[in-house]
PDB file of N, CA and C in Angstrom:
ATOM      1  N   MET A   1       2.123 156.963  -8.683  1.00  0.00           N
ATOM      2  CA  MET A   1       2.859 155.870  -8.076  1.00  0.00           C
ATOM      3  C   MET A   1       3.820 155.237  -9.078  1.00  0.00           C
ATOM      4  N   ALA A   2       3.395 155.175 -10.331  1.00  0.00           N
ATOM      5  CA  ALA A   2       4.256 154.577 -11.352  1.00  0.00           C
ATOM      6  C   ALA A   2       5.527 155.397 -11.561  1.00  0.00           C
ATOM      7  N   TRP A   3       5.401 156.721 -11.451  1.00  0.00           N
ATOM      8  CA  TRP A   3       6.582 157.571 -11.612  1.00  0.00           C
ATOM      9  C   TRP A   3       7.591 157.329 -10.500  1.00  0.00           C
ATOM     10  N   ILE A   4       7.092 157.169  -9.285  1.00  0.00           N
ATOM     11  CA  ILE A   4       7.983 156.920  -8.145  1.00  0.00           C
ATOM     12  C   ILE A   4       8.698 155.588  -8.313  1.00  0.00           C
ATOM     13  N   LEU A   5       7.959 154.578  -8.718  1.00  0.00           N
ATOM     14  CA  LEU A   5       8.563 153.266  -8.930  1.00  0.00           C
ATOM     15  C   LEU A   5       9.560 153.299 -10.070  1.00  0.00           C
ATOM     16  N   ARG A   6       9.233 154.011 -11.124  1.00  0.00           N
ATOM     17  CA  ARG A   6      10.149 154.113 -12.266  1.00  0.00           C
ATOM     18  C   ARG A   6      11.442 154.816 -11.868  1.00  0.00           C
ATOM     19  N   LEU A   7      11.341 155.879 -11.067  1.00  0.00           N
ATOM     20  CA  LEU A   7      12.541 156.567 -10.593  1.00  0.00           C
ATOM     21  C   LEU A   7      13.372 155.681  -9.670  1.00  0.00           C
ATOM     22  N   ALA A   8      12.691 154.907  -8.819  1.00  0.00           N
ATOM     23  CA  ALA A   8      13.412 154.000  -7.923  1.00  0.00           C
ATOM     24  C   ALA A   8      14.133 152.923  -8.720  1.00  0.00           C
ATOM     25  N   LEU A   9      13.490 152.382  -9.754  1.00  0.00           N
ATOM     26  CA  LEU A   9      14.143 151.377 -10.601  1.00  0.00           C
ATOM     27  C   LEU A   9      15.309 151.975 -11.373  1.00  0.00           C
ATOM     28  N   LEU A  10      15.171 153.199 -11.811  1.00  0.00           N
ATOM     29  CA  LEU A  10      16.260 153.868 -12.511  1.00  0.00           C
ATOM     30  C   LEU A  10      17.459 154.049 -11.582  1.00  0.00           C
ATOM     31  N   ALA A  11      17.189 154.495 -10.367  1.00  0.00           N
ATOM     32  CA  ALA A  11      18.271 154.669  -9.392  1.00  0.00           C
ATOM     33  C   ALA A  11      18.887 153.318  -9.012  1.00  0.00           C
ATOM     34  N   GLY A  12      18.038 152.311  -8.848  1.00  0.00           N
ATOM     35  CA  GLY A  12      18.551 150.976  -8.536  1.00  0.00           C
ATOM     36  C   GLY A  12      19.414 150.424  -9.656  1.00  0.00           C
ATOM     37  N   GLY A  13      19.032 150.691 -10.891  1.00  0.00           N
ATOM     38  CA  GLY A  13      19.836 150.259 -12.029  1.00  0.00           C
ATOM     39  C   GLY A  13      21.173 150.967 -12.088  1.00  0.00           C
ATOM     40  N   ALA A  14      21.183 152.245 -11.748  1.00  0.00           N
ATOM     41  CA  ALA A  14      22.438 152.997 -11.751  1.00  0.00           C
ATOM     42  C   ALA A  14      23.391 152.476 -10.678  1.00  0.00           C
ATOM     43  N   VAL A  15      22.860 152.197  -9.494  1.00  0.00           N
ATOM     44  CA  VAL A  15      23.703 151.673  -8.416  1.00  0.00           C
ATOM     45  C   VAL A  15      24.157 150.247  -8.731  1.00  0.00           C
ATOM     46  N   ALA A  16      23.271 149.438  -9.289  1.00  0.00           N
ATOM     47  CA  ALA A  16      23.632 148.059  -9.630  1.00  0.00           C
ATOM     48  C   ALA A  16      24.703 148.022 -10.701  1.00  0.00           C
ATOM     49  N   ALA A  17      24.694 148.988 -11.609  1.00  0.00           N
ATOM     50  CA  ALA A  17      25.699 149.026 -12.672  1.00  0.00           C
ATOM     51  C   ALA A  17      27.097 149.283 -12.124  1.00  0.00           C
ATOM     52  N   TRP A  18      27.204 149.868 -10.936  1.00  0.00           N
ATOM     53  CA  TRP A  18      28.516 150.054 -10.318  1.00  0.00           C
ATOM     54  C   TRP A  18      29.124 148.727  -9.884  1.00  0.00           C
ATOM     55  N   PHE A  19      28.285 147.763  -9.519  1.00  0.00           N
ATOM     56  CA  PHE A  19      28.768 146.511  -8.961  1.00  0.00           C
ATOM     57  C   PHE A  19      28.725 145.341  -9.934  1.00  0.00           C
ATOM     58  N   VAL A  20      27.772 145.351 -10.871  1.00  0.00           N
ATOM     59  CA  VAL A  20      27.570 144.227 -11.790  1.00  0.00           C
ATOM     60  C   VAL A  20      27.443 144.780 -13.203  1.00  0.00           C
ATOM     61  N   ALA A  21      28.028 144.076 -14.148  1.00  0.00           N
ATOM     62  CA  ALA A  21      27.900 144.498 -15.547  1.00  0.00           C
ATOM     63  C   ALA A  21      26.453 144.312 -16.006  1.00  0.00           C
ATOM     64  N   PRO A  22      25.924 145.249 -16.765  1.00  0.00           N
ATOM     65  CA  PRO A  22      24.532 145.120 -17.241  1.00  0.00           C
ATOM     66  C   PRO A  22      24.300 143.895 -18.126  1.00  0.00           C
ATOM     67  N   ASP A  23      25.367 143.293 -18.665  1.00  0.00           N
ATOM     68  CA  ASP A  23      25.224 142.088 -19.483  1.00  0.00           C
ATOM     69  C   ASP A  23      25.098 140.826 -18.626  1.00  0.00           C
ATOM     70  N   ALA A  24      25.437 140.928 -17.351  1.00  0.00           N
ATOM     71  CA  ALA A  24      25.456 139.753 -16.484  1.00  0.00           C
ATOM     72  C   ALA A  24      24.053 139.163 -16.336  1.00  0.00           C
ATOM     73  N   PRO A  25      23.982 137.839 -16.216  1.00  0.00           N
ATOM     74  CA  PRO A  25      22.666 137.199 -16.102  1.00  0.00           C
ATOM     75  C   PRO A  25      21.911 137.565 -14.825  1.00  0.00           C
ATOM     76  N   ASN A  26      22.620 137.925 -13.774  1.00  0.00           N
ATOM     77  CA  ASN A  26      21.958 138.250 -12.509  1.00  0.00           C
ATOM     78  C   ASN A  26      21.770 139.757 -12.311  1.00  0.00           C
ATOM     79  N   TYR A  27      21.900 140.537 -13.358  1.00  0.00           N
ATOM     80  CA  TYR A  27      21.774 141.992 -13.251  1.00  0.00           C
ATOM     81  C   TYR A  27      20.388 142.407 -12.767  1.00  0.00           C
ATOM     82  N   THR A  28      19.340 141.771 -13.271  1.00  0.00           N
ATOM     83  CA  THR A  28      17.988 142.156 -12.868  1.00  0.00           C
ATOM     84  C   THR A  28      17.740 141.874 -11.392  1.00  0.00           C
ATOM     85  N   VAL A  29      18.344 140.802 -10.888  1.00  0.00           N
ATOM     86  CA  VAL A  29      18.203 140.484  -9.463  1.00  0.00           C
ATOM     87  C   VAL A  29      18.902 141.545  -8.617  1.00  0.00           C
ATOM     88  N   VAL A  30      20.105 141.907  -9.005  1.00  0.00           N
ATOM     89  CA  VAL A  30      20.855 142.932  -8.268  1.00  0.00           C
ATOM     90  C   VAL A  30      20.142 144.276  -8.368  1.00  0.00           C
ATOM     91  N   GLN A  31      19.598 144.592  -9.528  1.00  0.00           N
ATOM     92  CA  GLN A  31      18.849 145.834  -9.702  1.00  0.00           C
ATOM     93  C   GLN A  31      17.635 145.856  -8.782  1.00  0.00           C
ATOM     94  N   GLY A  32      16.931 144.749  -8.683  1.00  0.00           N
ATOM     95  CA  GLY A  32      15.785 144.665  -7.786  1.00  0.00           C
ATOM     96  C   GLY A  32      16.178 144.823  -6.326  1.00  0.00           C
ATOM     97  N   MET A  33      17.291 144.203  -5.946  1.00  0.00           N
ATOM     98  CA  MET A  33      17.758 144.329  -4.559  1.00  0.00           C
ATOM     99  C   MET A  33      18.150 145.764  -4.238  1.00  0.00           C
ATOM    100  N   MET A  34      18.819 146.422  -5.166  1.00  0.00           N
ATOM    101  CA  MET A  34      19.207 147.820  -4.947  1.00  0.00           C
ATOM    102  C   MET A  34      17.977 148.724  -4.885  1.00  0.00           C
ATOM    103  N   THR A  35      16.977 148.430  -5.702  1.00  0.00           N
ATOM    104  CA  THR A  35      15.751 149.221  -5.675  1.00  0.00           C
ATOM    105  C   THR A  35      15.039 149.074  -4.337  1.00  0.00           C
ATOM    106  N   VAL A  36      14.966 147.860  -3.840  1.00  0.00           N
ATOM    107  CA  VAL A  36      14.345 147.637  -2.526  1.00  0.00           C
ATOM    108  C   VAL A  36      15.131 148.354  -1.439  1.00  0.00           C
ATOM    109  N   ALA A  37      16.455 148.332  -1.530  1.00  0.00           N
ATOM    110  CA  ALA A  37      17.275 149.029  -0.541  1.00  0.00           C
ATOM    111  C   ALA A  37      17.048 150.539  -0.593  1.00  0.00           C
ATOM    112  N   ILE A  38      16.907 151.092  -1.794  1.00  0.00           N
ATOM    113  CA  ILE A  38      16.664 152.530  -1.934  1.00  0.00           C
ATOM    114  C   ILE A  38      15.290 152.896  -1.375  1.00  0.00           C
ATOM    115  N   ILE A  39      14.278 152.081  -1.662  1.00  0.00           N
ATOM    116  CA  ILE A  39      12.939 152.344  -1.128  1.00  0.00           C
ATOM    117  C   ILE A  39      12.945 152.248   0.391  1.00  0.00           C
ATOM    118  N   ALA A  40      13.644 151.250   0.939  1.00  0.00           N
ATOM    119  CA  ALA A  40      13.724 151.101   2.393  1.00  0.00           C
ATOM    120  C   ALA A  40      14.435 152.300   3.025  1.00  0.00           C
ATOM    121  N   ALA A  41      15.481 152.791   2.386  1.00  0.00           N
ATOM    122  CA  ALA A  41      16.191 153.956   2.908  1.00  0.00           C
ATOM    123  C   ALA A  41      15.298 155.192   2.898  1.00  0.00           C
ATOM    124  N   CYS A  42      14.495 155.336   1.861  1.00  0.00           N
ATOM    125  CA  CYS A  42      13.560 156.473   1.802  1.00  0.00           C
ATOM    126  C   CYS A  42      12.499 156.376   2.894  1.00  0.00           C
ATOM    127  N   VAL A  43      12.010 155.180   3.153  1.00  0.00           N
ATOM    128  CA  VAL A  43      11.008 154.991   4.209  1.00  0.00           C
ATOM    129  C   VAL A  43      11.608 155.301   5.578  1.00  0.00           C
ATOM    130  N   VAL A  44      12.826 154.825   5.820  1.00  0.00           N
ATOM    131  CA  VAL A  44      13.491 155.099   7.095  1.00  0.00           C
ATOM    132  C   VAL A  44      13.748 156.600   7.246  1.00  0.00           C
ATOM    133  N   ALA A  45      14.183 157.244   6.170  1.00  0.00           N
ATOM    134  CA  ALA A  45      14.429 158.690   6.231  1.00  0.00           C
ATOM    135  C   ALA A  45      13.134 159.449   6.516  1.00  0.00           C
ATOM    136  N   ALA A  46      12.056 159.050   5.885  1.00  0.00           N
ATOM    137  CA  ALA A  46      10.764 159.716   6.125  1.00  0.00           C
ATOM    138  C   ALA A  46      10.306 159.502   7.567  1.00  0.00           C
ATOM    139  N   ALA A  47      10.520 158.312   8.099  1.00  0.00           N
ATOM    140  CA  ALA A  47      10.126 158.043   9.483  1.00  0.00           C
ATOM    141  C   ALA A  47      10.958 158.854  10.458  1.00  0.00           C
ATOM    142  N   LEU A  48      12.251 159.000  10.180  1.00  0.00           N
ATOM    143  CA  LEU A  48      13.089 159.771  11.078  1.00  0.00           C
ATOM    144  C   LEU A  48      12.801 161.266  10.993  1.00  0.00           C
ATOM    145  N   ILE A  49      12.457 161.740   9.823  1.00  0.00           N
ATOM    146  CA  ILE A  49      12.117 163.160   9.687  1.00  0.00           C
ATOM    147  C   ILE A  49      10.837 163.480  10.424  1.00  0.00           C
ATOM    148  N   LYS A  50       9.844 162.615  10.314  1.00  0.00           N
ATOM    149  CA  LYS A  50       8.574 162.861  11.000  1.00  0.00           C
ATOM    150  C   LYS A  50       8.695 162.685  12.507  1.00  0.00           C
ATOM    151  N   ARG A  51       9.710 161.973  12.948  1.00  0.00           N
ATOM    152  CA  ARG A  51       9.896 161.736  14.386  1.00  0.00           C
ATOM    153  C   ARG A  51      10.300 163.006  15.113  1.00  0.00           C
ATOM    154  N   ARG A  52      10.981 163.905  14.437  1.00  0.00           N
ATOM    155  CA  ARG A  52      11.452 165.148  15.067  1.00  0.00           C
ATOM    156  C   ARG A  52      10.320 165.925  15.574  1.00  0.00           C
TER     157      ARG A  52
END
């Protein structure tokens, strides 16, 4: 589980870096929001795949 979370945080950090500079004070908040969005997208994709 830790590996999955670490990969999601890494991906969230990469996406957040496109929109906010890593030096910005709110970078961790944006990184967290992007990580939650990525996890939600994976859950929706898994639900739609199993629906078929």
